């Protein structure tokens, strides 16, 4: 009789433990699914034309087109963009990432290439596209940045965020990042 009671108690403990562990696993799997879903939703919203247009127009922020966050240029510098709300963007040739426009200006590194018009729209594949068109140093200029997905990382002490892009200049498409300092 005593042996039967011990087995009943052990069986009850095992059942209770299984229920608790099962509930814990179900909660964690649901939580991670909703976190993944929330992250995917945030990424999709960040790729919408209205969001991109609003984001690029934040004052005193330079947007950089670079090879990557860790290795931004090939020694020839890179471009920095200062988007205005009037549909124009000032393009600078710049040697590195700066914390903000004021820091680049203080360093004397804002070398103006020119001012062109830009639009933010969606292409036939529902991808957000930034089109730049005008004259740089008197030469016709056209460039398209097709946003692929979001990206973030660090370069030195600077945290950067933005997008992986397909950059099309004169039908020469290269992969790059389009980023700003957080």
Protein backbone atom coordinates (compact mmCIF):
# COMPACT_ATOMS: atom_id res chain seq x y z
CA UNK A 1 0.00 0.00 0.00
CA UNK A 2 2.81 2.37 0.93
CA UNK A 3 4.61 1.57 -2.36
CA UNK A 4 1.44 2.28 -4.38
CA UNK A 5 1.02 5.68 -2.68
CA UNK A 6 4.66 6.62 -3.50
CA UNK A 7 4.14 5.75 -7.16
CA UNK A 8 0.94 7.82 -7.23
CA UNK A 9 2.75 10.83 -5.77
CA UNK A 10 5.66 10.44 -8.23
CA UNK A 11 3.21 10.09 -11.14
CA UNK A 12 1.34 13.22 -10.06
CA UNK A 13 4.58 15.21 -9.82
CA UNK A 14 5.63 14.04 -13.30
CA UNK A 15 2.24 15.04 -14.79
CA UNK A 16 2.34 18.47 -13.11
CA UNK A 17 5.93 19.04 -14.32
CA UNK A 18 4.95 18.04 -17.87
CA UNK A 19 2.01 20.48 -17.84
CA UNK A 20 4.19 23.33 -16.52
CA UNK A 21 7.01 22.66 -19.02
CA UNK A 22 4.52 22.31 -21.90
CA UNK A 23 2.88 25.62 -20.99
CA UNK A 24 6.27 27.33 -20.73
CA UNK A 25 7.36 26.01 -24.14
CA UNK A 26 4.08 27.08 -25.76
CA UNK A 27 4.40 30.59 -24.31
CA UNK A 28 8.01 30.99 -25.49
CA UNK A 29 7.26 29.75 -29.00
CA UNK A 30 4.29 32.12 -29.32
CA UNK A 31 6.41 34.98 -27.96
CA UNK A 32 9.22 34.38 -30.43
CA UNK A 33 6.75 34.08 -33.33
CA UNK A 34 5.15 37.40 -32.42
CA UNK A 35 8.60 39.02 -32.03
CA UNK A 36 9.60 37.76 -35.47
CA UNK A 37 6.28 38.92 -36.92
CA UNK A 38 6.65 42.33 -35.27
CA UNK A 39 10.19 42.67 -36.62
CA UNK A 40 9.09 41.73 -40.14
CA UNK A 41 6.22 44.23 -39.94
CA UNK A 42 8.61 46.98 -38.82
CA UNK A 43 10.99 46.16 -41.65
CA UNK A 44 8.17 46.22 -44.21
CA UNK A 45 6.93 49.60 -42.91
CA UNK A 46 10.48 51.00 -43.10
CA UNK A 47 10.57 50.10 -46.80
CA UNK A 48 7.38 52.00 -47.74
CA UNK A 49 7.85 55.15 -49.89
CA UNK A 50 6.07 57.50 -47.45
CA UNK A 51 8.24 56.35 -44.55
CA UNK A 52 11.45 56.56 -46.60
CA UNK A 53 10.61 60.05 -47.86
CA UNK A 54 9.86 61.29 -44.35
CA UNK A 55 13.02 59.68 -42.96
CA UNK A 56 15.47 61.03 -45.55
CA UNK A 57 14.21 64.59 -45.05
CA UNK A 58 15.23 64.81 -41.37
CA UNK A 59 17.38 67.93 -41.06
CA UNK A 60 21.08 67.89 -40.28
CA UNK A 61 21.39 64.23 -41.27
CA UNK A 62 23.58 63.07 -44.09
CA UNK A 63 22.70 59.89 -45.92
CA UNK A 64 25.67 57.99 -47.31
CA UNK A 65 25.91 55.65 -50.27
CA UNK A 66 28.81 53.33 -49.55
CA UNK A 67 30.11 49.88 -50.38
CA UNK A 68 29.28 48.63 -46.89
CA UNK A 69 29.16 49.85 -43.32
CA UNK A 70 32.44 48.19 -42.31
CA UNK A 71 34.31 49.05 -45.53
CA UNK A 72 32.56 52.17 -46.89
CA UNK A 73 34.82 53.18 -49.77
CA UNK A 74 37.64 52.15 -52.02
CA UNK A 75 39.88 55.11 -51.20
CA UNK A 76 38.10 57.44 -53.64
CA UNK A 77 35.62 58.68 -51.07
CA UNK A 78 31.90 58.22 -51.13
CA UNK A 79 28.79 60.32 -51.58
CA UNK A 80 26.74 61.96 -48.86
CA UNK A 81 23.23 63.21 -49.54
CA UNK A 82 21.38 66.05 -47.81
CA UNK A 83 17.71 65.66 -48.77
CA UNK A 84 15.49 68.75 -48.68
CA UNK A 85 11.71 68.81 -48.39
CA UNK A 86 11.45 70.79 -51.67
CA UNK A 87 12.36 67.72 -53.74
CA UNK A 88 16.05 68.60 -54.09
CA UNK A 89 19.12 66.90 -52.68
CA UNK A 90 22.61 68.30 -52.24
CA UNK A 91 25.27 65.71 -53.06
CA UNK A 92 28.69 65.86 -51.42
CA UNK A 93 31.89 63.96 -52.05
CA UNK A 94 33.06 62.95 -48.59
CA UNK A 95 35.94 60.80 -47.31
CA UNK A 96 34.22 59.06 -44.38
CA UNK A 97 31.16 58.81 -42.15
CA UNK A 98 30.57 61.78 -39.83
CA UNK A 99 28.31 61.96 -36.77
CA UNK A 100 26.30 64.73 -38.43
CA UNK A 101 26.44 67.43 -41.07
CA UNK A 102 27.92 69.96 -38.63
CA UNK A 103 30.86 67.63 -37.85
CA UNK A 104 31.61 67.14 -41.56
CA UNK A 105 31.38 70.89 -42.14
CA UNK A 106 33.68 71.62 -39.17
CA UNK A 107 36.23 69.15 -40.58
CA UNK A 108 36.06 71.00 -43.92
CA UNK A 109 35.06 67.79 -45.72
CA UNK A 110 31.72 68.80 -47.28
CA UNK A 111 32.79 69.04 -50.92
CA UNK A 112 29.66 69.90 -52.93
CA UNK A 113 29.23 67.93 -56.14
CA UNK A 114 25.91 69.56 -56.97
CA UNK A 115 22.18 69.74 -56.34
CA UNK A 116 19.70 67.53 -58.19
CA UNK A 117 16.01 66.65 -57.95
CA UNK A 118 14.80 63.47 -56.30
CA UNK A 119 11.62 61.44 -56.06
CA UNK A 120 10.64 58.55 -53.82
CA UNK A 121 8.21 56.09 -55.38
CA UNK A 122 7.41 52.43 -55.92
CA UNK A 123 8.39 50.43 -58.98
CA UNK A 124 6.39 47.67 -60.71
CA UNK A 125 7.83 45.10 -58.28
CA UNK A 126 6.49 47.15 -55.30
CA UNK A 127 10.03 48.09 -54.26
CA UNK A 128 10.74 51.59 -53.00
CA UNK A 129 12.94 53.54 -55.39
CA UNK A 130 14.75 56.85 -54.92
CA UNK A 131 15.44 58.50 -58.26
CA UNK A 132 17.98 61.33 -58.53
CA UNK A 133 18.26 63.39 -61.69
CA UNK A 134 19.94 66.63 -62.71
CA UNK A 135 23.38 68.01 -63.49
CA UNK A 136 26.50 67.49 -61.43
CA UNK A 137 29.37 69.79 -62.39
CA UNK A 138 27.51 70.54 -65.62
CA UNK A 139 27.20 66.86 -66.59
CA UNK A 140 23.85 65.04 -66.82
CA UNK A 141 23.37 62.79 -63.83
CA UNK A 142 20.79 60.07 -63.19
CA UNK A 143 20.87 57.52 -60.42
CA UNK A 144 18.35 55.09 -58.98
CA UNK A 145 18.54 53.51 -55.53
CA UNK A 146 16.26 50.47 -55.20
CA UNK A 147 15.78 49.61 -51.53
CA UNK A 148 16.12 45.89 -50.78
CA UNK A 149 16.08 45.47 -46.99
CA UNK A 150 17.06 47.28 -43.82
CA UNK A 151 20.59 47.23 -42.45
CA UNK A 152 22.33 48.47 -39.31
CA UNK A 153 25.81 48.23 -37.87
CA UNK A 154 28.75 50.15 -36.50
CA UNK A 155 31.74 51.82 -38.08
CA UNK A 156 34.19 52.83 -35.38
CA UNK A 157 32.14 54.62 -32.71
CA UNK A 158 29.27 55.45 -35.08
CA UNK A 159 26.07 53.40 -35.20
CA UNK A 160 24.53 53.44 -38.67
CA UNK A 161 21.14 52.40 -39.96
CA UNK A 162 19.51 52.35 -43.37
CA UNK A 163 19.06 50.04 -46.33
CA UNK A 164 20.79 47.61 -48.64
CA UNK A 165 20.28 49.03 -52.13
CA UNK A 166 20.82 48.24 -55.78
CA UNK A 167 22.46 51.38 -57.13
CA UNK A 168 21.93 52.04 -60.83
CA UNK A 169 24.06 54.70 -62.52
CA UNK A 170 23.95 54.66 -66.35
CA UNK A 171 22.64 51.05 -66.32
CA UNK A 172 25.60 49.94 -64.20
CA UNK A 173 23.99 48.27 -61.17
CA UNK A 174 26.06 47.75 -58.02
CA UNK A 175 25.13 46.59 -54.54
CA UNK A 176 25.67 49.16 -51.79
CA UNK A 177 24.30 50.48 -48.52
CA UNK A 178 22.31 53.69 -48.11
CA UNK A 179 22.79 54.65 -44.46
CA UNK A 180 22.73 57.44 -41.90
CA UNK A 181 24.17 57.80 -38.42
CA UNK A 182 21.57 56.93 -35.74
